[in-house]
Amino acid sequence: LIVFGFLLFKGWDKVVNDEIDGMVTITGSFSCLPLKVGVEAGDKECMLGVKSRDGLNYALDISRIQDANTDLKVEDTIAVTGTLKLTADKLAPEWADYEITGVILVNTLLRTR
């Protein structure tokens, strides 16, 4: 497997390089995604995502992941690299109840400091 390295600068929490390869890197807290106002929690389990340092929530689609930590815990600081689909795009129904900015089709997911 090829491990993708990326450079994180202090204070940068989102690096977008759409013109070259369409990839984004988001750093933030591994956490449960918030439900939209008016949606009952009911029997919904915690849907894990990333809350960026600027307070935006992103769902994680790990179906095509290449490299990931398997021992992550809620509130760990992570860096996620992948392709971003914004909520303006048509998203899968599984994300409809969550207050998210978009879904990241994850290539790499790593714990950071």
PDB file of N, CA and C in Angstrom:
ATOM      1  N   LEU A   1       0.831  -1.197   0.000  1.00  0.00           N
ATOM      2  CA  LEU A   1       0.000   0.000   0.000  1.00  0.00           C
ATOM      3  C   LEU A   1       0.869   1.253   0.000  1.00  0.00           C
ATOM      4  N   ILE A   2       0.397   2.187  -0.706  1.00  0.00           N
ATOM      5  CA  ILE A   2       1.090   3.480  -0.717  1.00  0.00           C
ATOM      6  C   ILE A   2       0.509   4.321   0.403  1.00  0.00           C
ATOM      7  N   VAL A   3       1.364   4.805   1.239  1.00  0.00           N
ATOM      8  CA  VAL A   3       0.920   5.674   2.328  1.00  0.00           C
ATOM      9  C   VAL A   3       1.072   7.118   1.873  1.00  0.00           C
ATOM     10  N   PHE A   4      -0.060   7.830   1.877  1.00  0.00           N
ATOM     11  CA  PHE A   4      -0.024   9.228   1.462  1.00  0.00           C
ATOM     12  C   PHE A   4       0.396  10.094   2.639  1.00  0.00           C
ATOM     13  N   GLY A   5       1.427  10.867   2.437  1.00  0.00           N
ATOM     14  CA  GLY A   5       1.843  11.816   3.455  1.00  0.00           C
ATOM     15  C   GLY A   5       1.232  13.165   3.154  1.00  0.00           C
ATOM     16  N   PHE A   6       1.036  13.911   4.158  1.00  0.00           N
ATOM     17  CA  PHE A   6       0.539  15.263   3.931  1.00  0.00           C
ATOM     18  C   PHE A   6       1.097  16.181   4.993  1.00  0.00           C
ATOM     19  N   LEU A   7       1.194  17.422   4.646  1.00  0.00           N
ATOM     20  CA  LEU A   7       1.782  18.425   5.498  1.00  0.00           C
ATOM     21  C   LEU A   7       0.678  19.242   6.147  1.00  0.00           C
ATOM     22  N   LEU A   8       0.689  19.291   7.475  1.00  0.00           N
ATOM     23  CA  LEU A   8      -0.300  20.088   8.193  1.00  0.00           C
ATOM     24  C   LEU A   8       0.400  21.276   8.836  1.00  0.00           C
ATOM     25  N   PHE A   9      -0.044  22.453   8.514  1.00  0.00           N
ATOM     26  CA  PHE A   9       0.508  23.652   9.103  1.00  0.00           C
ATOM     27  C   PHE A   9      -0.349  24.042  10.291  1.00  0.00           C
ATOM     28  N   LYS A  10       0.301  24.548  11.332  1.00  0.00           N
ATOM     29  CA  LYS A  10      -0.431  24.985  12.515  1.00  0.00           C
ATOM     30  C   LYS A  10      -1.478  26.013  12.112  1.00  0.00           C
ATOM     31  N   GLY A  11      -2.731  25.771  12.544  1.00  0.00           N
ATOM     32  CA  GLY A  11      -3.810  26.686  12.225  1.00  0.00           C
ATOM     33  C   GLY A  11      -4.557  26.323  10.951  1.00  0.00           C
ATOM     34  N   TRP A  12      -4.015  25.466  10.118  1.00  0.00           N
ATOM     35  CA  TRP A  12      -4.724  25.047   8.905  1.00  0.00           C
ATOM     36  C   TRP A  12      -5.510  23.803   9.246  1.00  0.00           C
ATOM     37  N   ASP A  13      -6.779  23.814   8.973  1.00  0.00           N
ATOM     38  CA  ASP A  13      -7.563  22.613   9.252  1.00  0.00           C
ATOM     39  C   ASP A  13      -8.203  22.050   8.005  1.00  0.00           C
ATOM     40  N   LYS A  14      -8.092  22.758   6.891  1.00  0.00           N
ATOM     41  CA  LYS A  14      -8.647  22.239   5.645  1.00  0.00           C
ATOM     42  C   LYS A  14      -7.734  22.662   4.506  1.00  0.00           C
ATOM     43  N   VAL A  15      -7.253  21.717   3.760  1.00  0.00           N
ATOM     44  CA  VAL A  15      -6.420  22.005   2.612  1.00  0.00           C
ATOM     45  C   VAL A  15      -7.154  21.463   1.400  1.00  0.00           C
ATOM     46  N   VAL A  16      -7.484  22.349   0.457  1.00  0.00           N
ATOM     47  CA  VAL A  16      -8.238  21.930  -0.714  1.00  0.00           C
ATOM     48  C   VAL A  16      -7.370  22.111  -1.949  1.00  0.00           C
ATOM     49  N   ASN A  17      -7.254  21.064  -2.735  1.00  0.00           N
ATOM     50  CA  ASN A  17      -6.456  21.113  -3.949  1.00  0.00           C
ATOM     51  C   ASN A  17      -7.306  20.598  -5.108  1.00  0.00           C
ATOM     52  N   ASP A  18      -8.509  21.144  -5.258  1.00  0.00           N
ATOM     53  CA  ASP A  18      -9.464  20.667  -6.252  1.00  0.00           C
ATOM     54  C   ASP A  18      -8.955  20.748  -7.682  1.00  0.00           C
ATOM     55  N   GLU A  19      -8.187  21.786  -7.998  1.00  0.00           N
ATOM     56  CA  GLU A  19      -7.769  21.959  -9.386  1.00  0.00           C
ATOM     57  C   GLU A  19      -6.825  20.866  -9.843  1.00  0.00           C
ATOM     58  N   ILE A  20      -6.070  20.272  -8.923  1.00  0.00           N
ATOM     59  CA  ILE A  20      -5.099  19.253  -9.313  1.00  0.00           C
ATOM     60  C   ILE A  20      -5.670  17.852  -9.166  1.00  0.00           C
ATOM     61  N   ASP A  21      -6.132  17.493  -7.982  1.00  0.00           N
ATOM     62  CA  ASP A  21      -6.565  16.108  -7.780  1.00  0.00           C
ATOM     63  C   ASP A  21      -7.894  15.957  -7.057  1.00  0.00           C
ATOM     64  N   GLY A  22      -8.567  17.039  -6.715  1.00  0.00           N
ATOM     65  CA  GLY A  22      -9.873  16.954  -6.082  1.00  0.00           C
ATOM     66  C   GLY A  22      -9.854  16.477  -4.646  1.00  0.00           C
ATOM     67  N   MET A  23      -8.684  16.420  -4.032  1.00  0.00           N
ATOM     68  CA  MET A  23      -8.567  15.908  -2.672  1.00  0.00           C
ATOM     69  C   MET A  23      -8.607  17.039  -1.646  1.00  0.00           C
ATOM     70  N   VAL A  24      -9.126  16.711  -0.451  1.00  0.00           N
ATOM     71  CA  VAL A  24      -9.095  17.635   0.675  1.00  0.00           C
ATOM     72  C   VAL A  24      -8.479  16.915   1.861  1.00  0.00           C
ATOM     73  N   THR A  25      -7.912  17.683   2.767  1.00  0.00           N
ATOM     74  CA  THR A  25      -7.453  17.150   4.045  1.00  0.00           C
ATOM     75  C   THR A  25      -8.124  17.973   5.128  1.00  0.00           C
ATOM     76  N   ILE A  26      -8.850  17.295   6.008  1.00  0.00           N
ATOM     77  CA  ILE A  26      -9.536  17.946   7.121  1.00  0.00           C
ATOM     78  C   ILE A  26      -8.932  17.404   8.406  1.00  0.00           C
ATOM     79  N   THR A  27      -8.553  18.300   9.316  1.00  0.00           N
ATOM     80  CA  THR A  27      -8.113  17.859  10.630  1.00  0.00           C
ATOM     81  C   THR A  27      -9.120  18.339  11.661  1.00  0.00           C
ATOM     82  N   GLY A  28      -9.305  17.535  12.672  1.00  0.00           N
ATOM     83  CA  GLY A  28     -10.249  17.896  13.715  1.00  0.00           C
ATOM     84  C   GLY A  28     -10.465  16.747  14.668  1.00  0.00           C
ATOM     85  N   SER A  29     -11.603  16.772  15.321  1.00  0.00           N
ATOM     86  CA  SER A  29     -11.936  15.809  16.367  1.00  0.00           C
ATOM     87  C   SER A  29     -12.828  14.699  15.813  1.00  0.00           C
ATOM     88  N   PHE A  30     -12.458  13.458  16.079  1.00  0.00           N
ATOM     89  CA  PHE A  30     -13.259  12.288  15.712  1.00  0.00           C
ATOM     90  C   PHE A  30     -14.438  12.267  16.672  1.00  0.00           C
ATOM     91  N   SER A  31     -15.662  12.483  16.182  1.00  0.00           N
ATOM     92  CA  SER A  31     -16.802  12.626  17.083  1.00  0.00           C
ATOM     93  C   SER A  31     -18.107  12.173  16.436  1.00  0.00           C
ATOM     94  N   CYS A  32     -19.143  12.061  17.270  1.00  0.00           N
ATOM     95  CA  CYS A  32     -20.478  11.717  16.770  1.00  0.00           C
ATOM     96  C   CYS A  32     -21.036  12.910  15.995  1.00  0.00           C
ATOM     97  N   LEU A  33     -21.671  12.625  14.870  1.00  0.00           N
ATOM     98  CA  LEU A  33     -22.275  13.695  14.078  1.00  0.00           C
ATOM     99  C   LEU A  33     -23.560  14.173  14.754  1.00  0.00           C
ATOM    100  N   PRO A  34     -23.804  15.498  14.755  1.00  0.00           N
ATOM    101  CA  PRO A  34     -25.039  16.011  15.339  1.00  0.00           C
ATOM    102  C   PRO A  34     -26.233  15.745  14.420  1.00  0.00           C
ATOM    103  N   LEU A  35     -27.371  15.460  15.030  1.00  0.00           N
ATOM    104  CA  LEU A  35     -28.607  15.284  14.262  1.00  0.00           C
ATOM    105  C   LEU A  35     -29.165  16.648  13.889  1.00  0.00           C
ATOM    106  N   LYS A  36     -29.905  16.718  12.780  1.00  0.00           N
ATOM    107  CA  LYS A  36     -30.568  17.956  12.394  1.00  0.00           C
ATOM    108  C   LYS A  36     -31.648  18.291  13.412  1.00  0.00           C
ATOM    109  N   VAL A  37     -31.951  19.573  13.527  1.00  0.00           N
ATOM    110  CA  VAL A  37     -33.007  20.021  14.432  1.00  0.00           C
ATOM    111  C   VAL A  37     -34.310  19.337  14.026  1.00  0.00           C
ATOM    112  N   GLY A  38     -35.030  18.796  15.008  1.00  0.00           N
ATOM    113  CA  GLY A  38     -36.307  18.150  14.754  1.00  0.00           C
ATOM    114  C   GLY A  38     -36.205  16.656  14.499  1.00  0.00           C
ATOM    115  N   VAL A  39     -34.989  16.132  14.357  1.00  0.00           N
ATOM    116  CA  VAL A  39     -34.822  14.691  14.150  1.00  0.00           C
ATOM    117  C   VAL A  39     -34.673  14.029  15.514  1.00  0.00           C
ATOM    118  N   GLU A  40     -35.507  13.045  15.765  1.00  0.00           N
ATOM    119  CA  GLU A  40     -35.469  12.304  17.034  1.00  0.00           C
ATOM    120  C   GLU A  40     -34.306  11.321  17.008  1.00  0.00           C
ATOM    121  N   ALA A  41     -33.584  11.229  18.127  1.00  0.00           N
ATOM    122  CA  ALA A  41     -32.470  10.294  18.216  1.00  0.00           C
ATOM    123  C   ALA A  41     -32.976   8.853  18.124  1.00  0.00           C
ATOM    124  N   GLY A  42     -34.099   8.561  18.787  1.00  0.00           N
ATOM    125  CA  GLY A  42     -34.688   7.225  18.726  1.00  0.00           C
ATOM    126  C   GLY A  42     -33.665   6.134  18.914  1.00  0.00           C
ATOM    127  N   ASP A  43     -33.598   5.221  17.967  1.00  0.00           N
ATOM    128  CA  ASP A  43     -32.660   4.109  18.078  1.00  0.00           C
ATOM    129  C   ASP A  43     -31.380   4.339  17.270  1.00  0.00           C
ATOM    130  N   LYS A  44     -31.164   5.578  16.841  1.00  0.00           N
ATOM    131  CA  LYS A  44     -29.957   5.881  16.070  1.00  0.00           C
ATOM    132  C   LYS A  44     -28.730   5.772  16.971  1.00  0.00           C
ATOM    133  N   GLU A  45     -27.721   5.083  16.444  1.00  0.00           N
ATOM    134  CA  GLU A  45     -26.457   4.996  17.150  1.00  0.00           C
ATOM    135  C   GLU A  45     -25.616   6.216  16.797  1.00  0.00           C
ATOM    136  N   CYS A  46     -24.517   6.366  17.474  1.00  0.00           N
ATOM    137  CA  CYS A  46     -23.571   7.442  17.173  1.00  0.00           C
ATOM    138  C   CYS A  46     -22.987   7.199  15.786  1.00  0.00           C
ATOM    139  N   MET A  47     -23.201   8.142  14.871  1.00  0.00           N
ATOM    140  CA  MET A  47     -22.593   8.078  13.536  1.00  0.00           C
ATOM    141  C   MET A  47     -21.319   8.909  13.617  1.00  0.00           C
ATOM    142  N   LEU A  48     -20.181   8.253  13.494  1.00  0.00           N
ATOM    143  CA  LEU A  48     -18.911   8.942  13.656  1.00  0.00           C
ATOM    144  C   LEU A  48     -18.528   9.742  12.419  1.00  0.00           C
ATOM    145  N   GLY A  49     -17.937  10.895  12.683  1.00  0.00           N
ATOM    146  CA  GLY A  49     -17.461  11.778  11.636  1.00  0.00           C
ATOM    147  C   GLY A  49     -16.306  12.591  12.176  1.00  0.00           C
ATOM    148  N   VAL A  50     -16.016  13.695  11.531  1.00  0.00           N
ATOM    149  CA  VAL A  50     -14.961  14.590  12.008  1.00  0.00           C
ATOM    150  C   VAL A  50     -15.539  15.993  12.148  1.00  0.00           C
ATOM    151  N   LYS A  51     -15.246  16.614  13.294  1.00  0.00           N
ATOM    152  CA  LYS A  51     -15.603  18.015  13.519  1.00  0.00           C
ATOM    153  C   LYS A  51     -14.325  18.807  13.330  1.00  0.00           C
ATOM    154  N   SER A  52     -14.290  19.609  12.269  1.00  0.00           N
ATOM    155  CA  SER A  52     -13.071  20.351  11.939  1.00  0.00           C
ATOM    156  C   SER A  52     -12.795  21.424  12.987  1.00  0.00           C
ATOM    157  N   ARG A  53     -11.606  21.942  12.937  1.00  0.00           N
ATOM    158  CA  ARG A  53     -11.215  22.978  13.906  1.00  0.00           C
ATOM    159  C   ARG A  53     -12.020  24.248  13.749  1.00  0.00           C
ATOM    160  N   ASP A  54     -12.638  24.438  12.572  1.00  0.00           N
ATOM    161  CA  ASP A  54     -13.494  25.615  12.390  1.00  0.00           C
ATOM    162  C   ASP A  54     -14.947  25.317  12.722  1.00  0.00           C
ATOM    163  N   GLY A  55     -15.217  24.131  13.319  1.00  0.00           N
ATOM    164  CA  GLY A  55     -16.553  23.810  13.823  1.00  0.00           C
ATOM    165  C   GLY A  55     -17.497  23.147  12.833  1.00  0.00           C
ATOM    166  N   LEU A  56     -17.032  22.822  11.633  1.00  0.00           N
ATOM    167  CA  LEU A  56     -17.877  22.172  10.638  1.00  0.00           C
ATOM    168  C   LEU A  56     -17.820  20.656  10.811  1.00  0.00           C
ATOM    169  N   ASN A  57     -18.957  19.994  10.597  1.00  0.00           N
ATOM    170  CA  ASN A  57     -19.039  18.540  10.739  1.00  0.00           C
ATOM    171  C   ASN A  57     -19.058  17.877   9.370  1.00  0.00           C
ATOM    172  N   TYR A  58     -18.273  16.819   9.241  1.00  0.00           N
ATOM    173  CA  TYR A  58     -18.191  16.059   8.001  1.00  0.00           C
ATOM    174  C   TYR A  58     -18.427  14.590   8.292  1.00  0.00           C
ATOM    175  N   ALA A  59     -19.274  13.956   7.485  1.00  0.00           N
ATOM    176  CA  ALA A  59     -19.465  12.512   7.566  1.00  0.00           C
ATOM    177  C   ALA A  59     -18.285  11.843   6.866  1.00  0.00           C
ATOM    178  N   LEU A  60     -17.999  10.595   7.259  1.00  0.00           N
ATOM    179  CA  LEU A  60     -16.883   9.861   6.671  1.00  0.00           C
ATOM    180  C   LEU A  60     -17.387   8.609   5.961  1.00  0.00           C
ATOM    181  N   ASP A  61     -17.121   8.517   4.675  1.00  0.00           N
ATOM    182  CA  ASP A  61     -17.435   7.317   3.907  1.00  0.00           C
ATOM    183  C   ASP A  61     -16.132   6.538   3.779  1.00  0.00           C
ATOM    184  N   ILE A  62     -16.014   5.456   4.545  1.00  0.00           N
ATOM    185  CA  ILE A  62     -14.757   4.703   4.580  1.00  0.00           C
ATOM    186  C   ILE A  62     -14.777   3.488   3.649  1.00  0.00           C
ATOM    187  N   SER A  63     -15.707   3.453   2.699  1.00  0.00           N
ATOM    188  CA  SER A  63     -15.842   2.290   1.816  1.00  0.00           C
ATOM    189  C   SER A  63     -14.629   2.065   0.910  1.00  0.00           C
ATOM    190  N   ARG A  64     -13.838   3.080   0.656  1.00  0.00           N
ATOM    191  CA  ARG A  64     -12.664   2.910  -0.218  1.00  0.00           C
ATOM    192  C   ARG A  64     -11.367   3.290   0.473  1.00  0.00           C
ATOM    193  N   ILE A  65     -11.346   3.167   1.780  1.00  0.00           N
ATOM    194  CA  ILE A  65     -10.191   3.591   2.567  1.00  0.00           C
ATOM    195  C   ILE A  65      -8.943   2.771   2.237  1.00  0.00           C
ATOM    196  N   GLN A  66      -7.803   3.454   2.221  1.00  0.00           N
ATOM    197  CA  GLN A  66      -6.533   2.804   1.926  1.00  0.00           C
ATOM    198  C   GLN A  66      -5.674   2.652   3.171  1.00  0.00           C
ATOM    199  N   ASP A  67      -5.775   3.595   4.090  1.00  0.00           N
ATOM    200  CA  ASP A  67      -4.923   3.573   5.277  1.00  0.00           C
ATOM    201  C   ASP A  67      -5.689   4.183   6.434  1.00  0.00           C
ATOM    202  N   ALA A  68      -5.779   3.448   7.554  1.00  0.00           N
ATOM    203  CA  ALA A  68      -6.535   3.961   8.702  1.00  0.00           C
ATOM    204  C   ALA A  68      -5.999   3.394   9.995  1.00  0.00           C
ATOM    205  N   ASN A  69      -6.145   4.174  11.054  1.00  0.00           N
ATOM    206  CA  ASN A  69      -5.911   3.670  12.405  1.00  0.00           C
ATOM    207  C   ASN A  69      -7.146   2.880  12.790  1.00  0.00           C
ATOM    208  N   THR A  70      -6.968   1.735  13.395  1.00  0.00           N
ATOM    209  CA  THR A  70      -8.124   0.925  13.797  1.00  0.00           C
ATOM    210  C   THR A  70      -8.464   1.088  15.269  1.00  0.00           C
ATOM    211  N   ASP A  71      -7.637   1.800  16.008  1.00  0.00           N
ATOM    212  CA  ASP A  71      -7.871   1.955  17.448  1.00  0.00           C
ATOM    213  C   ASP A  71      -8.264   3.376  17.838  1.00  0.00           C
ATOM    214  N   LEU A  72      -8.926   4.100  16.939  1.00  0.00           N
ATOM    215  CA  LEU A  72      -9.344   5.472  17.225  1.00  0.00           C
ATOM    216  C   LEU A  72     -10.466   5.492  18.257  1.00  0.00           C
ATOM    217  N   LYS A  73     -10.464   6.529  19.065  1.00  0.00           N
ATOM    218  CA  LYS A  73     -11.518   6.735  20.055  1.00  0.00           C
ATOM    219  C   LYS A  73     -12.178   8.086  19.794  1.00  0.00           C
ATOM    220  N   VAL A  74     -13.421   8.214  20.244  1.00  0.00           N
ATOM    221  CA  VAL A  74     -14.124   9.494  20.133  1.00  0.00           C
ATOM    222  C   VAL A  74     -13.281  10.572  20.805  1.00  0.00           C
ATOM    223  N   GLU A  75     -13.213  11.711  20.162  1.00  0.00           N
ATOM    224  CA  GLU A  75     -12.461  12.893  20.585  1.00  0.00           C
ATOM    225  C   GLU A  75     -10.975  12.824  20.268  1.00  0.00           C
ATOM    226  N   ASP A  76     -10.476  11.754  19.634  1.00  0.00           N
ATOM    227  CA  ASP A  76      -9.100  11.749  19.145  1.00  0.00           C
ATOM    228  C   ASP A  76      -8.989  12.814  18.060  1.00  0.00           C
ATOM    229  N   THR A  77      -7.811  13.419  17.942  1.00  0.00           N
ATOM    230  CA  THR A  77      -7.568  14.363  16.858  1.00  0.00           C
ATOM    231  C   THR A  77      -7.114  13.555  15.647  1.00  0.00           C
ATOM    232  N   ILE A  78      -7.790  13.775  14.520  1.00  0.00           N
ATOM    233  CA  ILE A  78      -7.501  13.005  13.324  1.00  0.00           C
ATOM    234  C   ILE A  78      -7.285  13.920  12.123  1.00  0.00           C
ATOM    235  N   ALA A  79      -6.659  13.358  11.095  1.00  0.00           N
ATOM    236  CA  ALA A  79      -6.535  14.010   9.799  1.00  0.00           C
ATOM    237  C   ALA A  79      -7.119  13.050   8.779  1.00  0.00           C
ATOM    238  N   VAL A  80      -8.039  13.544   7.973  1.00  0.00           N
ATOM    239  CA  VAL A  80      -8.729  12.742   6.973  1.00  0.00           C
ATOM    240  C   VAL A  80      -8.438  13.328   5.597  1.00  0.00           C
ATOM    241  N   THR A  81      -8.004  12.473   4.678  1.00  0.00           N
ATOM    242  CA  THR A  81      -7.770  12.905   3.300  1.00  0.00           C
ATOM    243  C   THR A  81      -8.680  12.109   2.379  1.00  0.00           C
ATOM    244  N   GLY A  82      -9.318  12.826   1.463  1.00  0.00           N
ATOM    245  CA  GLY A  82     -10.212  12.175   0.514  1.00  0.00           C
ATOM    246  C   GLY A  82     -10.906  13.197  -0.354  1.00  0.00           C
ATOM    247  N   THR A  83     -11.931  12.749  -1.045  1.00  0.00           N
ATOM    248  CA  THR A  83     -12.721  13.611  -1.922  1.00  0.00           C
ATOM    249  C   THR A  83     -13.947  14.106  -1.162  1.00  0.00           C
ATOM    250  N   LEU A  84     -14.205  15.395  -1.205  1.00  0.00           N
ATOM    251  CA  LEU A  84     -15.320  15.996  -0.483  1.00  0.00           C
ATOM    252  C   LEU A  84     -16.541  16.135  -1.378  1.00  0.00           C
ATOM    253  N   LYS A  85     -17.677  15.617  -0.899  1.00  0.00           N
ATOM    254  CA  LYS A  85     -18.974  15.842  -1.553  1.00  0.00           C
ATOM    255  C   LYS A  85     -19.757  16.760  -0.630  1.00  0.00           C
ATOM    256  N   LEU A  86     -20.106  17.926  -1.108  1.00  0.00           N
ATOM    257  CA  LEU A  86     -20.839  18.898  -0.288  1.00  0.00           C
ATOM    258  C   LEU A  86     -22.313  18.520  -0.194  1.00  0.00           C
ATOM    259  N   THR A  87     -23.003  19.052   0.808  1.00  0.00           N
ATOM    260  CA  THR A  87     -24.426  18.740   0.988  1.00  0.00           C
ATOM    261  C   THR A  87     -25.268  19.269  -0.164  1.00  0.00           C
ATOM    262  N   ALA A  88     -24.744  20.203  -0.941  1.00  0.00           N
ATOM    263  CA  ALA A  88     -25.475  20.691  -2.118  1.00  0.00           C
ATOM    264  C   ALA A  88     -25.563  19.601  -3.187  1.00  0.00           C
ATOM    265  N   ASP A  89     -24.600  18.666  -3.151  1.00  0.00           N
ATOM    266  CA  ASP A  89     -24.639  17.518  -4.056  1.00  0.00           C
ATOM    267  C   ASP A  89     -25.656  16.521  -3.504  1.00  0.00           C
ATOM    268  N   LYS A  90     -26.101  15.603  -4.333  1.00  0.00           N
ATOM    269  CA  LYS A  90     -27.034  14.584  -3.866  1.00  0.00           C
ATOM    270  C   LYS A  90     -26.253  13.560  -3.040  1.00  0.00           C
ATOM    271  N   LEU A  91     -26.572  13.482  -1.747  1.00  0.00           N
ATOM    272  CA  LEU A  91     -25.892  12.558  -0.847  1.00  0.00           C
ATOM    273  C   LEU A  91     -26.754  11.329  -0.606  1.00  0.00           C
ATOM    274  N   ALA A  92     -26.118  10.261  -0.162  1.00  0.00           N
ATOM    275  CA  ALA A  92     -26.835   9.027   0.163  1.00  0.00           C
ATOM    276  C   ALA A  92     -27.829   9.290   1.294  1.00  0.00           C
ATOM    277  N   PRO A  93     -28.965   8.587   1.309  1.00  0.00           N
ATOM    278  CA  PRO A  93     -29.998   8.792   2.331  1.00  0.00           C
ATOM    279  C   PRO A  93     -29.503   8.583   3.764  1.00  0.00           C
ATOM    280  N   GLU A  94     -28.457   7.792   3.941  1.00  0.00           N
ATOM    281  CA  GLU A  94     -27.944   7.534   5.287  1.00  0.00           C
ATOM    282  C   GLU A  94     -27.451   8.796   5.995  1.00  0.00           C
ATOM    283  N   TRP A  95     -27.156   9.850   5.235  1.00  0.00           N
ATOM    284  CA  TRP A  95     -26.650  11.095   5.818  1.00  0.00           C
ATOM    285  C   TRP A  95     -27.752  12.143   6.005  1.00  0.00           C
ATOM    286  N   ALA A  96     -28.957  11.871   5.588  1.00  0.00           N
ATOM    287  CA  ALA A  96     -30.033  12.865   5.559  1.00  0.00           C
ATOM    288  C   ALA A  96     -30.394  13.447   6.925  1.00  0.00           C
ATOM    289  N   ASP A  97     -30.254  12.685   7.999  1.00  0.00           N
ATOM    290  CA  ASP A  97     -30.665  13.144   9.327  1.00  0.00           C
ATOM    291  C   ASP A  97     -29.577  13.904  10.075  1.00  0.00           C
ATOM    292  N   TYR A  98     -28.415  14.075   9.469  1.00  0.00           N
ATOM    293  CA  TYR A  98     -27.281  14.665  10.181  1.00  0.00           C
ATOM    294  C   TYR A  98     -26.958  16.068   9.688  1.00  0.00           C
ATOM    295  N   GLU A  99     -26.574  16.923  10.612  1.00  0.00           N
ATOM    296  CA  GLU A  99     -26.195  18.309  10.333  1.00  0.00           C
ATOM    297  C   GLU A  99     -24.726  18.302   9.918  1.00  0.00           C
ATOM    298  N   ILE A 100     -24.482  18.158   8.613  1.00  0.00           N
ATOM    299  CA  ILE A 100     -23.120  18.057   8.102  1.00  0.00           C
ATOM    300  C   ILE A 100     -22.896  19.043   6.962  1.00  0.00           C
ATOM    301  N   THR A 101     -21.628  19.370   6.764  1.00  0.00           N
ATOM    302  CA  THR A 101     -21.233  20.227   5.659  1.00  0.00           C
ATOM    303  C   THR A 101     -21.077  19.402   4.386  1.00  0.00           C
ATOM    304  N   GLY A 102     -20.679  18.153   4.558  1.00  0.00           N
ATOM    305  CA  GLY A 102     -20.483  17.270   3.417  1.00  0.00           C
ATOM    306  C   GLY A 102     -20.008  15.903   3.866  1.00  0.00           C
ATOM    307  N   VAL A 103     -19.728  15.055   2.885  1.00  0.00           N
ATOM    308  CA  VAL A 103     -19.228  13.709   3.140  1.00  0.00           C
ATOM    309  C   VAL A 103     -17.852  13.582   2.497  1.00  0.00           C
ATOM    310  N   ILE A 104     -16.901  13.078   3.265  1.00  0.00           N
ATOM    311  CA  ILE A 104     -15.560  12.851   2.737  1.00  0.00           C
ATOM    312  C   ILE A 104     -15.445  11.379   2.350  1.00  0.00           C
ATOM    313  N   LEU A 105     -15.153  11.130   1.063  1.00  0.00           N
ATOM    314  CA  LEU A 105     -14.868   9.772   0.595  1.00  0.00           C
ATOM    315  C   LEU A 105     -13.411   9.515   0.960  1.00  0.00           C
ATOM    316  N   VAL A 106     -13.196   8.811   2.053  1.00  0.00           N
ATOM    317  CA  VAL A 106     -11.898   8.739   2.720  1.00  0.00           C
ATOM    318  C   VAL A 106     -10.903   7.843   1.979  1.00  0.00           C
ATOM    319  N   ASN A 107      -9.692   8.388   1.784  1.00  0.00           N
ATOM    320  CA  ASN A 107      -8.547   7.599   1.323  1.00  0.00           C
ATOM    321  C   ASN A 107      -7.661   7.244   2.508  1.00  0.00           C
ATOM    322  N   THR A 108      -7.366   8.245   3.360  1.00  0.00           N
ATOM    323  CA  THR A 108      -6.549   7.996   4.549  1.00  0.00           C
ATOM    324  C   THR A 108      -7.194   8.661   5.757  1.00  0.00           C
ATOM    325  N   LEU A 109      -7.048   8.003   6.902  1.00  0.00           N
ATOM    326  CA  LEU A 109      -7.564   8.522   8.160  1.00  0.00           C
ATOM    327  C   LEU A 109      -6.518   8.183   9.211  1.00  0.00           C
ATOM    328  N   LEU A 110      -5.890   9.212   9.757  1.00  0.00           N
ATOM    329  CA  LEU A 110      -4.782   9.021  10.690  1.00  0.00           C
ATOM    330  C   LEU A 110      -4.950   9.849  11.946  1.00  0.00           C
ATOM    331  N   ARG A 111      -4.492   9.325  13.070  1.00  0.00           N
ATOM    332  CA  ARG A 111      -4.476  10.091  14.332  1.00  0.00           C
ATOM    333  C   ARG A 111      -3.342  11.099  14.231  1.00  0.00           C
ATOM    334  N   THR A 112      -3.624  12.321  14.706  1.00  0.00           N
ATOM    335  CA  THR A 112      -2.599  13.369  14.722  1.00  0.00           C
ATOM    336  C   THR A 112      -2.503  13.925  16.141  1.00  0.00           C
ATOM    337  N   ARG A 113      -1.713  14.945  16.287  1.00  0.00           N
ATOM    338  CA  ARG A 113      -1.579  15.592  17.598  1.00  0.00           C
ATOM    339  C   ARG A 113      -2.289  16.903  17.634  1.00  0.00           C
TER     340      ARG A 113
END
